């Protein structure tokens, strides 16, 4: 892909040869559901808007979920020694790397007309929903939905087509790209109970006093 830069009077386009996968903890060490994603992450909207997908991963204490996670971690460590001696695992890994490299080199999918039309309609629909949310709450969304997000969805659609070695990104690929976008960035932009509450000054002051005396999650 490419990255457009317009800073300090310099306008240029640079080739991008890597993807960035970043992870970080909330500013308070624990995610606060009463705050927006922007307040928890503590990054400017200009930075957040540059990520294609933003997932909020919470450590929710649930018996079944904790049991599955513990079982998975134990299996990973238990089979670690055996996997290091097994050549089949390394051969399988090399096969996957070769397949990814083959997709990158040989497949350059582009959007079909129907897929492009679906992209346009769904993007306008999301913008209208975010505008309505901002009107109802009186505050702009924590993560703005801009043309950068439209380009991100296009990249996701083309990547999904590339995984299947198809030369055209179809509406099915666009549908899956929007599903990923909705369960990640859109949900993050809508998170935060305070986004849907209009607190009076007295209630806001009482909330601030309680937060000073009690830890997050208590």
N, C-alpha and C. Protein backbone atom coordinates (compact mmCIF):
# COMPACT_ATOMS: atom_id res chain seq x y z
N UNK A 1 0.85 -1.19 0.00
CA UNK A 1 0.00 0.00 0.00
C UNK A 1 0.89 1.24 0.00
N UNK A 2 0.28 2.40 0.15
CA UNK A 2 1.03 3.65 0.20
C UNK A 2 0.54 4.49 1.37
N UNK A 3 1.39 5.41 1.81
CA UNK A 3 1.07 6.34 2.89
C UNK A 3 1.29 7.75 2.37
N UNK A 4 0.28 8.59 2.47
CA UNK A 4 0.39 9.99 2.05
C UNK A 4 0.79 10.84 3.25
N UNK A 5 1.80 11.69 3.06
CA UNK A 5 2.31 12.54 4.12
C UNK A 5 2.26 13.99 3.67
N UNK A 6 1.68 14.84 4.49
CA UNK A 6 1.65 16.29 4.22
C UNK A 6 1.97 17.00 5.52
N UNK A 7 3.25 17.22 5.77
CA UNK A 7 3.72 17.84 7.00
C UNK A 7 4.79 18.87 6.67
N UNK A 8 4.73 20.00 7.39
CA UNK A 8 5.76 21.04 7.29
C UNK A 8 6.01 21.45 5.84
N UNK A 9 4.95 21.54 5.06
CA UNK A 9 5.10 21.97 3.68
C UNK A 9 5.59 20.90 2.73
N UNK A 10 5.80 19.68 3.24
CA UNK A 10 6.28 18.58 2.40
C UNK A 10 5.11 17.65 2.11
N UNK A 11 4.84 17.43 0.84
CA UNK A 11 3.77 16.52 0.43
C UNK A 11 4.37 15.42 -0.43
N UNK A 12 4.20 14.18 0.00
CA UNK A 12 4.78 13.07 -0.73
C UNK A 12 3.99 11.80 -0.45
N UNK A 13 4.27 10.77 -1.22
CA UNK A 13 3.65 9.46 -1.06
C UNK A 13 4.76 8.42 -0.90
N UNK A 14 4.71 7.68 0.19
CA UNK A 14 5.72 6.67 0.47
C UNK A 14 5.12 5.28 0.35
N UNK A 15 5.93 4.34 -0.11
CA UNK A 15 5.49 2.94 -0.18
C UNK A 15 5.50 2.34 1.22
N UNK A 16 4.47 1.56 1.52
CA UNK A 16 4.37 0.88 2.82
C UNK A 16 4.59 -0.60 2.61
N UNK A 17 5.60 -1.15 3.28
CA UNK A 17 5.95 -2.56 3.09
C UNK A 17 5.63 -3.41 4.32
N UNK A 18 5.04 -2.82 5.33
CA UNK A 18 4.73 -3.60 6.51
C UNK A 18 3.38 -3.18 7.07
N UNK A 19 2.84 -4.02 7.93
CA UNK A 19 1.65 -3.68 8.70
C UNK A 19 2.06 -3.52 10.16
N UNK A 20 1.33 -2.70 10.88
CA UNK A 20 1.64 -2.43 12.28
C UNK A 20 0.55 -3.05 13.15
N UNK A 21 0.96 -3.93 14.06
CA UNK A 21 0.05 -4.51 15.05
C UNK A 21 0.50 -4.01 16.41
N UNK A 22 -0.33 -3.18 17.04
CA UNK A 22 0.03 -2.56 18.31
C UNK A 22 -0.95 -2.97 19.40
N UNK A 23 -0.44 -3.11 20.62
CA UNK A 23 -1.28 -3.44 21.77
C UNK A 23 -0.83 -2.61 22.95
N UNK A 24 -1.78 -2.20 23.78
CA UNK A 24 -1.44 -1.36 24.94
C UNK A 24 -2.49 -1.53 26.01
N UNK A 25 -2.09 -1.24 27.25
CA UNK A 25 -3.01 -1.27 28.39
C UNK A 25 -3.68 0.09 28.55
N UNK A 26 -4.87 0.14 29.17
CA UNK A 26 -5.51 1.43 29.45
C UNK A 26 -4.66 2.28 30.39
N UNK A 27 -4.95 3.57 30.41
CA UNK A 27 -4.12 4.50 31.19
C UNK A 27 -4.21 4.21 32.68
N UNK A 28 -5.34 3.66 33.16
CA UNK A 28 -5.50 3.37 34.59
C UNK A 28 -5.13 1.93 34.93
N UNK A 29 -4.63 1.18 33.97
CA UNK A 29 -4.28 -0.20 34.20
C UNK A 29 -5.44 -1.15 34.07
N UNK A 30 -6.65 -0.64 34.05
CA UNK A 30 -7.86 -1.45 33.90
C UNK A 30 -8.87 -0.62 33.11
N UNK A 31 -9.57 -1.27 32.19
CA UNK A 31 -10.51 -0.57 31.33
C UNK A 31 -11.71 -0.09 32.14
N UNK A 32 -12.03 1.19 32.00
CA UNK A 32 -13.14 1.81 32.72
C UNK A 32 -14.32 1.95 31.77
N UNK A 33 -15.40 1.18 32.04
CA UNK A 33 -16.55 1.20 31.15
C UNK A 33 -17.30 2.52 31.19
N UNK A 34 -17.05 3.35 32.21
CA UNK A 34 -17.72 4.63 32.30
C UNK A 34 -17.08 5.68 31.39
N UNK A 35 -15.91 5.35 30.84
CA UNK A 35 -15.20 6.29 29.97
C UNK A 35 -15.27 5.81 28.54
N UNK A 36 -15.00 6.73 27.62
CA UNK A 36 -14.97 6.38 26.21
C UNK A 36 -13.66 5.66 25.88
N UNK A 37 -13.62 5.07 24.70
CA UNK A 37 -12.39 4.40 24.27
C UNK A 37 -11.23 5.38 24.19
N UNK A 38 -11.52 6.60 23.74
CA UNK A 38 -10.47 7.60 23.63
C UNK A 38 -9.88 7.95 24.99
N UNK A 39 -10.76 8.06 26.03
CA UNK A 39 -10.28 8.37 27.37
C UNK A 39 -9.47 7.22 27.95
N UNK A 40 -9.87 5.98 27.65
CA UNK A 40 -9.14 4.82 28.16
C UNK A 40 -7.80 4.63 27.45
N UNK A 41 -7.80 4.85 26.14
CA UNK A 41 -6.58 4.65 25.36
C UNK A 41 -5.64 5.84 25.49
N UNK A 42 -6.22 7.03 25.64
CA UNK A 42 -5.44 8.26 25.80
C UNK A 42 -4.55 8.55 24.59
N UNK A 43 -5.14 8.41 23.41
CA UNK A 43 -4.47 8.80 22.17
C UNK A 43 -5.38 9.76 21.42
N UNK A 44 -4.79 10.68 20.70
CA UNK A 44 -5.56 11.65 19.94
C UNK A 44 -6.33 10.96 18.81
N UNK A 45 -7.46 11.57 18.45
CA UNK A 45 -8.27 10.99 17.38
C UNK A 45 -7.51 10.94 16.06
N UNK A 46 -6.58 11.85 15.87
CA UNK A 46 -5.79 11.83 14.63
C UNK A 46 -4.91 10.58 14.55
N UNK A 47 -4.52 10.05 15.70
CA UNK A 47 -3.73 8.82 15.73
C UNK A 47 -4.65 7.61 15.60
N UNK A 48 -5.76 7.61 16.35
CA UNK A 48 -6.68 6.47 16.32
C UNK A 48 -7.26 6.25 14.93
N UNK A 49 -7.50 7.32 14.20
CA UNK A 49 -8.12 7.19 12.88
C UNK A 49 -7.19 6.55 11.87
N UNK A 50 -5.92 6.41 12.20
CA UNK A 50 -4.96 5.81 11.27
C UNK A 50 -4.90 4.28 11.37
N UNK A 51 -5.56 3.71 12.38
CA UNK A 51 -5.60 2.26 12.50
C UNK A 51 -6.80 1.70 11.75
N UNK A 52 -6.57 0.64 10.98
CA UNK A 52 -7.66 0.05 10.21
C UNK A 52 -8.71 -0.56 11.13
N UNK A 53 -8.26 -1.31 12.13
CA UNK A 53 -9.16 -1.97 13.07
C UNK A 53 -8.70 -1.70 14.49
N UNK A 54 -9.63 -1.42 15.38
CA UNK A 54 -9.33 -1.17 16.79
C UNK A 54 -10.21 -2.09 17.63
N UNK A 55 -9.59 -3.05 18.31
CA UNK A 55 -10.32 -3.99 19.15
C UNK A 55 -10.10 -3.65 20.62
N UNK A 56 -11.17 -3.65 21.39
CA UNK A 56 -11.08 -3.50 22.84
C UNK A 56 -11.23 -4.89 23.45
N UNK A 57 -10.17 -5.36 24.10
CA UNK A 57 -10.16 -6.70 24.70
C UNK A 57 -10.20 -6.54 26.21
N UNK A 58 -11.29 -7.00 26.82
CA UNK A 58 -11.48 -6.86 28.26
C UNK A 58 -11.29 -8.20 28.95
N UNK A 59 -10.74 -8.16 30.15
CA UNK A 59 -10.57 -9.36 30.96
C UNK A 59 -11.80 -9.53 31.83
N UNK A 60 -12.83 -10.14 31.26
CA UNK A 60 -14.09 -10.34 31.97
C UNK A 60 -14.01 -11.66 32.73
N UNK A 61 -14.31 -11.62 34.02
CA UNK A 61 -14.21 -12.81 34.86
C UNK A 61 -15.47 -13.67 34.68
N UNK A 62 -15.33 -14.72 33.86
CA UNK A 62 -16.43 -15.67 33.63
C UNK A 62 -15.86 -17.07 33.74
N UNK A 63 -16.56 -17.95 34.46
CA UNK A 63 -16.03 -19.28 34.77
C UNK A 63 -15.73 -20.08 33.51
N UNK A 64 -16.69 -20.16 32.59
CA UNK A 64 -16.49 -20.96 31.38
C UNK A 64 -15.37 -20.40 30.52
N UNK A 65 -15.35 -19.09 30.38
CA UNK A 65 -14.30 -18.47 29.56
C UNK A 65 -12.93 -18.64 30.20
N UNK A 66 -12.83 -18.43 31.51
CA UNK A 66 -11.55 -18.61 32.19
C UNK A 66 -11.06 -20.06 32.08
N UNK A 67 -11.99 -21.01 32.14
CA UNK A 67 -11.61 -22.42 32.03
C UNK A 67 -11.07 -22.74 30.65
N UNK A 68 -11.70 -22.19 29.60
CA UNK A 68 -11.22 -22.43 28.24
C UNK A 68 -9.84 -21.81 28.03
N UNK A 69 -9.63 -20.60 28.54
CA UNK A 69 -8.33 -19.94 28.39
C UNK A 69 -7.25 -20.72 29.12
N UNK A 70 -7.54 -21.13 30.36
CA UNK A 70 -6.56 -21.89 31.14
C UNK A 70 -6.22 -23.21 30.45
N UNK A 71 -7.24 -23.88 29.90
CA UNK A 71 -7.01 -25.14 29.20
C UNK A 71 -6.13 -24.92 27.96
N UNK A 72 -6.38 -23.85 27.24
CA UNK A 72 -5.58 -23.56 26.05
C UNK A 72 -4.12 -23.28 26.41
N UNK A 73 -3.89 -22.46 27.45
CA UNK A 73 -2.52 -22.13 27.84
C UNK A 73 -1.77 -23.38 28.28
N UNK A 74 -2.45 -24.23 29.03
CA UNK A 74 -1.80 -25.46 29.51
C UNK A 74 -1.43 -26.37 28.34
N UNK A 75 -2.32 -26.49 27.35
CA UNK A 75 -2.03 -27.32 26.19
C UNK A 75 -0.86 -26.77 25.39
N UNK A 76 -0.79 -25.44 25.27
CA UNK A 76 0.32 -24.83 24.52
C UNK A 76 1.66 -25.17 25.18
N UNK A 77 1.73 -25.05 26.51
CA UNK A 77 2.98 -25.33 27.22
C UNK A 77 3.26 -26.83 27.25
N UNK A 78 2.21 -27.66 27.36
CA UNK A 78 2.41 -29.10 27.42
C UNK A 78 2.93 -29.66 26.10
N UNK A 79 2.48 -29.07 24.99
CA UNK A 79 2.89 -29.56 23.68
C UNK A 79 4.06 -28.79 23.11
N UNK A 80 4.61 -27.85 23.88
CA UNK A 80 5.71 -27.04 23.36
C UNK A 80 6.95 -27.85 23.10
N UNK A 81 7.30 -28.73 24.03
CA UNK A 81 8.51 -29.53 23.87
C UNK A 81 8.39 -30.51 22.72
N UNK A 82 7.21 -31.12 22.59
CA UNK A 82 7.01 -32.07 21.50
C UNK A 82 7.01 -31.38 20.15
N UNK A 83 6.45 -30.19 20.09
CA UNK A 83 6.38 -29.47 18.82
C UNK A 83 7.75 -29.06 18.33
N UNK A 84 8.66 -28.74 19.26
CA UNK A 84 10.01 -28.33 18.87
C UNK A 84 10.78 -29.47 18.22
N UNK A 85 10.43 -30.73 18.57
CA UNK A 85 11.11 -31.89 17.99
C UNK A 85 10.42 -32.42 16.74
N UNK A 86 9.24 -31.93 16.52
CA UNK A 86 8.44 -32.44 15.40
C UNK A 86 8.69 -31.57 14.17
N UNK A 87 9.20 -32.15 13.10
CA UNK A 87 9.50 -31.36 11.91
C UNK A 87 8.25 -31.02 11.12
N UNK A 88 7.16 -31.77 11.35
CA UNK A 88 5.93 -31.50 10.59
C UNK A 88 5.41 -30.11 10.89
N UNK A 89 5.54 -29.66 12.14
CA UNK A 89 5.05 -28.33 12.50
C UNK A 89 5.80 -27.25 11.75
N UNK A 90 7.13 -27.38 11.66
CA UNK A 90 7.91 -26.37 10.95
C UNK A 90 7.61 -26.39 9.46
N UNK A 91 7.40 -27.60 8.90
CA UNK A 91 7.07 -27.67 7.48
C UNK A 91 5.72 -27.02 7.21
N UNK A 92 4.75 -27.24 8.11
CA UNK A 92 3.46 -26.60 7.95
C UNK A 92 3.55 -25.10 8.02
N UNK A 93 4.39 -24.60 8.94
CA UNK A 93 4.58 -23.16 9.06
C UNK A 93 5.20 -22.59 7.79
N UNK A 94 6.20 -23.29 7.24
CA UNK A 94 6.83 -22.82 6.01
C UNK A 94 5.84 -22.83 4.86
N UNK A 95 4.94 -23.82 4.83
CA UNK A 95 3.93 -23.86 3.78
C UNK A 95 3.02 -22.65 3.86
N UNK A 96 2.63 -22.27 5.08
CA UNK A 96 1.76 -21.11 5.23
C UNK A 96 2.47 -19.84 4.79
N UNK A 97 3.74 -19.71 5.14
CA UNK A 97 4.51 -18.53 4.73
C UNK A 97 4.62 -18.47 3.21
N UNK A 98 4.85 -19.64 2.58
CA UNK A 98 4.95 -19.67 1.11
C UNK A 98 3.62 -19.30 0.47
N UNK A 99 2.52 -19.76 1.07
CA UNK A 99 1.20 -19.44 0.53
C UNK A 99 0.93 -17.94 0.61
N UNK A 100 1.25 -17.32 1.76
CA UNK A 100 1.06 -15.88 1.93
C UNK A 100 1.91 -15.11 0.92
N UNK A 101 3.15 -15.54 0.76
CA UNK A 101 4.04 -14.87 -0.19
C UNK A 101 3.51 -15.01 -1.62
N UNK A 102 2.97 -16.18 -1.95
CA UNK A 102 2.42 -16.41 -3.28
C UNK A 102 1.21 -15.51 -3.51
N UNK A 103 0.35 -15.37 -2.49
CA UNK A 103 -0.82 -14.48 -2.62
C UNK A 103 -0.39 -13.04 -2.86
N UNK A 104 0.63 -12.60 -2.14
CA UNK A 104 1.10 -11.23 -2.28
C UNK A 104 1.64 -10.95 -3.68
N UNK A 105 2.37 -11.91 -4.22
CA UNK A 105 3.06 -11.68 -5.49
C UNK A 105 2.13 -11.83 -6.68
N UNK A 106 1.28 -12.84 -6.64
CA UNK A 106 0.52 -13.20 -7.84
C UNK A 106 -0.88 -12.60 -7.90
N UNK A 107 -1.45 -12.21 -6.76
CA UNK A 107 -2.85 -11.79 -6.74
C UNK A 107 -2.97 -10.31 -6.41
N UNK A 108 -3.58 -9.56 -7.30
CA UNK A 108 -3.81 -8.13 -7.11
C UNK A 108 -5.29 -7.83 -7.34
N UNK A 109 -6.15 -8.18 -6.40
CA UNK A 109 -7.60 -8.02 -6.63
C UNK A 109 -8.03 -6.57 -6.62
N UNK A 110 -9.13 -6.30 -7.33
CA UNK A 110 -9.74 -4.99 -7.37
C UNK A 110 -11.25 -5.14 -7.14
N UNK A 111 -11.87 -4.06 -6.73
CA UNK A 111 -13.29 -4.09 -6.40
C UNK A 111 -14.15 -4.23 -7.67
N UNK A 112 -15.19 -5.04 -7.56
CA UNK A 112 -16.17 -5.11 -8.64
C UNK A 112 -17.12 -3.92 -8.53
N UNK A 113 -17.94 -3.71 -9.55
CA UNK A 113 -18.86 -2.57 -9.53
C UNK A 113 -19.88 -2.71 -8.41
N UNK A 114 -20.42 -3.92 -8.21
CA UNK A 114 -21.39 -4.12 -7.13
C UNK A 114 -20.75 -3.93 -5.76
N UNK A 115 -19.51 -4.41 -5.63
CA UNK A 115 -18.81 -4.25 -4.36
C UNK A 115 -18.54 -2.77 -4.07
N UNK A 116 -18.16 -2.02 -5.10
CA UNK A 116 -17.91 -0.59 -4.93
C UNK A 116 -19.18 0.15 -4.52
N UNK A 117 -20.30 -0.22 -5.15
CA UNK A 117 -21.57 0.41 -4.80
C UNK A 117 -21.97 0.08 -3.36
N UNK A 118 -21.76 -1.16 -2.93
CA UNK A 118 -22.07 -1.54 -1.56
C UNK A 118 -21.19 -0.78 -0.58
N UNK A 119 -19.91 -0.62 -0.90
CA UNK A 119 -19.00 0.13 -0.06
C UNK A 119 -19.49 1.56 0.14
N UNK A 120 -19.88 2.19 -0.94
CA UNK A 120 -20.34 3.57 -0.87
C UNK A 120 -21.58 3.70 0.01
N UNK A 121 -22.55 2.81 -0.20
CA UNK A 121 -23.80 2.89 0.55
C UNK A 121 -23.59 2.62 2.04
N UNK A 122 -22.80 1.61 2.37
CA UNK A 122 -22.57 1.27 3.78
C UNK A 122 -21.74 2.34 4.48
N UNK A 123 -20.80 2.93 3.76
CA UNK A 123 -19.99 3.99 4.37
C UNK A 123 -20.86 5.20 4.72
N UNK A 124 -21.74 5.58 3.79
CA UNK A 124 -22.65 6.70 4.05
C UNK A 124 -23.57 6.37 5.22
N UNK A 125 -24.01 5.12 5.30
CA UNK A 125 -24.91 4.71 6.39
C UNK A 125 -24.21 4.81 7.74
N UNK A 126 -22.97 4.36 7.81
CA UNK A 126 -22.22 4.44 9.08
C UNK A 126 -22.00 5.90 9.47
N UNK A 127 -21.68 6.74 8.49
CA UNK A 127 -21.48 8.16 8.79
C UNK A 127 -22.75 8.79 9.34
N UNK A 128 -23.89 8.42 8.79
CA UNK A 128 -25.15 8.97 9.27
C UNK A 128 -25.44 8.51 10.70
N UNK A 129 -25.14 7.25 11.01
CA UNK A 129 -25.37 6.74 12.36
C UNK A 129 -24.47 7.44 13.37
N UNK A 130 -23.21 7.65 13.02
CA UNK A 130 -22.29 8.34 13.93
C UNK A 130 -22.68 9.80 14.10
N UNK A 131 -23.19 10.42 13.03
CA UNK A 131 -23.65 11.80 13.13
C UNK A 131 -24.88 11.88 14.04
N UNK A 132 -25.78 10.90 13.94
CA UNK A 132 -26.95 10.87 14.80
C UNK A 132 -26.55 10.66 16.26
N UNK A 133 -25.57 9.78 16.50
CA UNK A 133 -25.10 9.56 17.86
C UNK A 133 -24.49 10.83 18.45
N UNK A 134 -23.71 11.56 17.65
CA UNK A 134 -23.12 12.79 18.13
C UNK A 134 -24.19 13.84 18.44
N UNK A 135 -25.26 13.85 17.64
CA UNK A 135 -26.35 14.80 17.88
C UNK A 135 -27.10 14.46 19.17
N UNK A 136 -27.29 13.16 19.43
CA UNK A 136 -28.04 12.75 20.62
C UNK A 136 -27.23 12.96 21.90
N UNK A 137 -25.93 12.69 21.84
CA UNK A 137 -25.10 12.80 23.04
C UNK A 137 -24.48 14.18 23.21
N UNK A 138 -24.44 14.96 22.13
CA UNK A 138 -23.82 16.28 22.22
C UNK A 138 -22.32 16.25 22.14
N UNK A 139 -21.73 15.06 21.85
CA UNK A 139 -20.28 14.92 21.76
C UNK A 139 -19.94 14.14 20.50
N UNK A 140 -18.81 14.48 19.92
CA UNK A 140 -18.35 13.76 18.75
C UNK A 140 -17.87 12.37 19.14
N UNK A 141 -17.88 11.45 18.19
CA UNK A 141 -17.44 10.08 18.46
C UNK A 141 -15.97 10.07 18.85
N UNK A 142 -15.62 9.12 19.73
CA UNK A 142 -14.23 9.01 20.18
C UNK A 142 -13.31 8.70 19.02
N UNK A 143 -13.78 7.88 18.09
CA UNK A 143 -13.00 7.51 16.91
C UNK A 143 -13.77 7.97 15.68
N UNK A 144 -13.36 9.04 15.03
CA UNK A 144 -14.12 9.56 13.89
C UNK A 144 -14.10 8.60 12.71
N UNK A 145 -15.23 8.51 12.01
CA UNK A 145 -15.32 7.67 10.81
C UNK A 145 -15.10 8.59 9.62
N UNK A 146 -13.93 8.49 9.02
CA UNK A 146 -13.54 9.38 7.93
C UNK A 146 -13.18 8.56 6.70
N UNK A 147 -12.65 9.26 5.70
CA UNK A 147 -12.24 8.58 4.46
C UNK A 147 -11.15 7.55 4.75
N UNK A 148 -10.36 7.77 5.79
CA UNK A 148 -9.33 6.79 6.15
C UNK A 148 -9.96 5.44 6.46
N UNK A 149 -11.11 5.46 7.15
CA UNK A 149 -11.78 4.21 7.47
C UNK A 149 -12.35 3.56 6.20
N UNK A 150 -12.80 4.38 5.25
CA UNK A 150 -13.26 3.83 3.98
C UNK A 150 -12.12 3.13 3.26
N UNK A 151 -10.95 3.74 3.26
CA UNK A 151 -9.79 3.12 2.64
C UNK A 151 -9.40 1.84 3.37
N UNK A 152 -9.57 1.83 4.70
CA UNK A 152 -9.26 0.63 5.48
C UNK A 152 -10.18 -0.52 5.08
N UNK A 153 -11.47 -0.21 4.89
CA UNK A 153 -12.42 -1.26 4.52
C UNK A 153 -12.11 -1.77 3.11
N UNK A 154 -11.67 -0.88 2.23
CA UNK A 154 -11.27 -1.31 0.89
C UNK A 154 -10.08 -2.25 0.98
N UNK A 155 -9.10 -1.91 1.82
CA UNK A 155 -7.94 -2.79 1.99
C UNK A 155 -8.36 -4.15 2.54
N UNK A 156 -9.27 -4.15 3.51
CA UNK A 156 -9.73 -5.41 4.08
C UNK A 156 -10.45 -6.26 3.03
N UNK A 157 -11.29 -5.62 2.23
CA UNK A 157 -12.02 -6.35 1.19
C UNK A 157 -11.06 -6.97 0.18
N UNK A 158 -10.07 -6.21 -0.25
CA UNK A 158 -9.10 -6.73 -1.21
C UNK A 158 -8.24 -7.82 -0.59
N UNK A 159 -7.94 -7.68 0.71
CA UNK A 159 -7.14 -8.71 1.39
C UNK A 159 -7.92 -10.02 1.50
N UNK A 160 -9.21 -9.93 1.80
CA UNK A 160 -10.03 -11.14 1.87
C UNK A 160 -10.10 -11.84 0.52
N UNK A 161 -10.19 -11.06 -0.56
CA UNK A 161 -10.18 -11.65 -1.90
C UNK A 161 -8.81 -12.26 -2.21
N UNK A 162 -7.75 -11.60 -1.76
CA UNK A 162 -6.40 -12.11 -2.02
C UNK A 162 -6.17 -13.44 -1.29
N UNK A 163 -6.73 -13.60 -0.10
CA UNK A 163 -6.59 -14.86 0.63
C UNK A 163 -7.17 -16.03 -0.15
N UNK A 164 -8.19 -15.76 -0.97
CA UNK A 164 -8.83 -16.81 -1.77
C UNK A 164 -8.31 -16.83 -3.21
N UNK A 165 -7.28 -16.03 -3.46
CA UNK A 165 -6.65 -15.99 -4.79
C UNK A 165 -7.65 -15.65 -5.89
N UNK A 166 -8.55 -14.72 -5.59
CA UNK A 166 -9.50 -14.25 -6.60
C UNK A 166 -9.08 -12.86 -7.07
N UNK A 167 -9.30 -12.58 -8.34
CA UNK A 167 -8.84 -11.33 -8.93
C UNK A 167 -9.81 -10.18 -8.71
N UNK A 168 -11.02 -10.48 -8.21
CA UNK A 168 -12.04 -9.45 -8.01
C UNK A 168 -12.59 -9.57 -6.60
N UNK A 169 -12.69 -8.44 -5.90
CA UNK A 169 -13.32 -8.39 -4.58
C UNK A 169 -14.82 -8.25 -4.77
N UNK A 170 -15.56 -9.21 -4.29
CA UNK A 170 -17.00 -9.27 -4.50
C UNK A 170 -17.75 -8.64 -3.32
N UNK A 171 -19.07 -8.46 -3.44
CA UNK A 171 -19.86 -7.96 -2.31
C UNK A 171 -19.73 -8.82 -1.05
N UNK A 172 -19.49 -10.13 -1.22
CA UNK A 172 -19.31 -11.00 -0.04
C UNK A 172 -18.07 -10.58 0.75
N UNK A 173 -17.00 -10.23 0.03
CA UNK A 173 -15.79 -9.77 0.71
C UNK A 173 -16.03 -8.43 1.41
N UNK A 174 -16.78 -7.56 0.77
CA UNK A 174 -17.10 -6.27 1.38
C UNK A 174 -17.95 -6.46 2.63
N UNK A 175 -18.90 -7.39 2.56
CA UNK A 175 -19.77 -7.67 3.71
C UNK A 175 -18.95 -8.15 4.90
N UNK A 176 -17.99 -9.04 4.66
CA UNK A 176 -17.14 -9.53 5.75
C UNK A 176 -16.23 -8.43 6.28
N UNK A 177 -15.73 -7.58 5.40
CA UNK A 177 -14.89 -6.47 5.84
C UNK A 177 -15.66 -5.51 6.75
N UNK A 178 -16.91 -5.22 6.39
CA UNK A 178 -17.74 -4.35 7.24
C UNK A 178 -18.09 -5.04 8.56
N UNK A 179 -18.25 -6.36 8.54
CA UNK A 179 -18.52 -7.07 9.79
C UNK A 179 -17.33 -6.91 10.75
N UNK A 180 -16.12 -7.10 10.23
CA UNK A 180 -14.93 -6.91 11.05
C UNK A 180 -14.83 -5.48 11.55
N UNK A 181 -15.16 -4.53 10.68
CA UNK A 181 -15.07 -3.12 11.06
C UNK A 181 -16.10 -2.78 12.14
N UNK A 182 -17.30 -3.37 12.04
CA UNK A 182 -18.35 -3.07 13.01
C UNK A 182 -18.04 -3.64 14.39
N UNK A 183 -17.48 -4.86 14.43
CA UNK A 183 -17.20 -5.48 15.73
C UNK A 183 -15.91 -4.96 16.35
N UNK A 184 -15.21 -4.10 15.67
CA UNK A 184 -13.97 -3.56 16.21
C UNK A 184 -14.06 -2.05 16.38
N UNK A 185 -13.80 -1.31 15.33
CA UNK A 185 -13.69 0.15 15.43
C UNK A 185 -15.02 0.81 15.77
N UNK A 186 -16.11 0.39 15.15
CA UNK A 186 -17.40 1.02 15.41
C UNK A 186 -17.84 0.78 16.86
N UNK A 187 -17.67 -0.46 17.34
CA UNK A 187 -18.02 -0.75 18.74
C UNK A 187 -17.15 0.05 19.70
N UNK A 188 -15.87 0.21 19.35
CA UNK A 188 -14.99 1.01 20.20
C UNK A 188 -15.41 2.47 20.21
N UNK A 189 -15.85 2.98 19.06
CA UNK A 189 -16.28 4.38 18.99
C UNK A 189 -17.54 4.62 19.80
N UNK A 190 -18.39 3.58 19.94
CA UNK A 190 -19.65 3.72 20.66
C UNK A 190 -19.53 3.36 22.14
N UNK A 191 -18.38 2.87 22.57
CA UNK A 191 -18.24 2.41 23.94
C UNK A 191 -18.24 3.58 24.91
N UNK A 192 -18.58 3.27 26.15
CA UNK A 192 -18.60 4.31 27.18
C UNK A 192 -20.01 4.65 27.59
N UNK A 193 -20.35 4.36 28.86
CA UNK A 193 -21.70 4.65 29.34
C UNK A 193 -21.97 6.14 29.33
N UNK A 194 -20.97 6.94 29.65
CA UNK A 194 -21.18 8.39 29.74
C UNK A 194 -21.56 9.01 28.41
N UNK A 195 -21.31 8.28 27.31
CA UNK A 195 -21.69 8.81 26.01
C UNK A 195 -23.21 8.91 25.88
N UNK A 196 -23.94 8.11 26.67
CA UNK A 196 -25.39 8.07 26.55
C UNK A 196 -26.09 8.71 27.75
N UNK A 197 -25.33 9.38 28.61
CA UNK A 197 -25.91 10.00 29.80
C UNK A 197 -25.63 11.49 29.81
N UNK A 198 -26.62 12.26 30.19
CA UNK A 198 -26.44 13.69 30.39
C UNK A 198 -26.46 13.95 31.90
N UNK A 199 -25.29 13.95 32.51
CA UNK A 199 -25.21 14.06 33.96
C UNK A 199 -25.30 15.51 34.40
N UNK A 200 -26.06 15.74 35.48
CA UNK A 200 -26.12 17.08 36.05
C UNK A 200 -24.79 17.36 36.77
N UNK A 201 -24.47 18.63 37.03
CA UNK A 201 -23.21 18.95 37.73
C UNK A 201 -23.09 18.27 39.09
N UNK A 202 -24.20 18.16 39.83
CA UNK A 202 -24.15 17.52 41.15
C UNK A 202 -23.80 16.04 41.03
N UNK A 203 -24.42 15.36 40.07
CA UNK A 203 -24.14 13.94 39.88
C UNK A 203 -22.70 13.74 39.41
N UNK A 204 -22.24 14.60 38.50
CA UNK A 204 -20.87 14.49 38.01
C UNK A 204 -19.86 14.71 39.14
N UNK A 205 -20.15 15.64 40.04
CA UNK A 205 -19.26 15.89 41.17
C UNK A 205 -19.25 14.70 42.12
N UNK A 206 -20.43 14.11 42.37
CA UNK A 206 -20.49 12.93 43.23
C UNK A 206 -19.74 11.76 42.61
N UNK A 207 -19.87 11.62 41.29
CA UNK A 207 -19.15 10.54 40.60
C UNK A 207 -17.63 10.72 40.75
N UNK A 208 -17.17 11.96 40.61
CA UNK A 208 -15.73 12.22 40.75
C UNK A 208 -15.24 11.89 42.15
N UNK A 209 -16.03 12.23 43.18
CA UNK A 209 -15.64 11.93 44.55
C UNK A 209 -15.58 10.43 44.81
N UNK A 210 -16.54 9.68 44.24
CA UNK A 210 -16.55 8.22 44.42
C UNK A 210 -15.33 7.60 43.75
N UNK A 211 -14.98 8.09 42.56
CA UNK A 211 -13.84 7.52 41.85
C UNK A 211 -12.53 7.75 42.60
N UNK A 212 -12.45 8.84 43.34
CA UNK A 212 -11.23 9.10 44.09
C UNK A 212 -11.06 8.11 45.24
N UNK A 213 -12.15 7.57 45.74
CA UNK A 213 -12.10 6.72 46.92
C UNK A 213 -12.17 5.22 46.59
N UNK A 214 -12.59 4.88 45.37
CA UNK A 214 -12.77 3.49 45.02
C UNK A 214 -12.02 3.20 43.72
N UNK A 215 -11.41 2.02 43.66
CA UNK A 215 -10.68 1.65 42.47
C UNK A 215 -11.59 1.23 41.33
N UNK A 216 -11.06 1.23 40.13
CA UNK A 216 -11.83 0.84 38.95
C UNK A 216 -12.19 -0.64 39.06
N UNK A 217 -13.46 -0.94 38.84
CA UNK A 217 -13.92 -2.32 38.91
C UNK A 217 -14.37 -2.78 40.27
N UNK A 218 -14.19 -1.92 41.30
CA UNK A 218 -14.60 -2.33 42.65
C UNK A 218 -16.11 -2.17 42.83
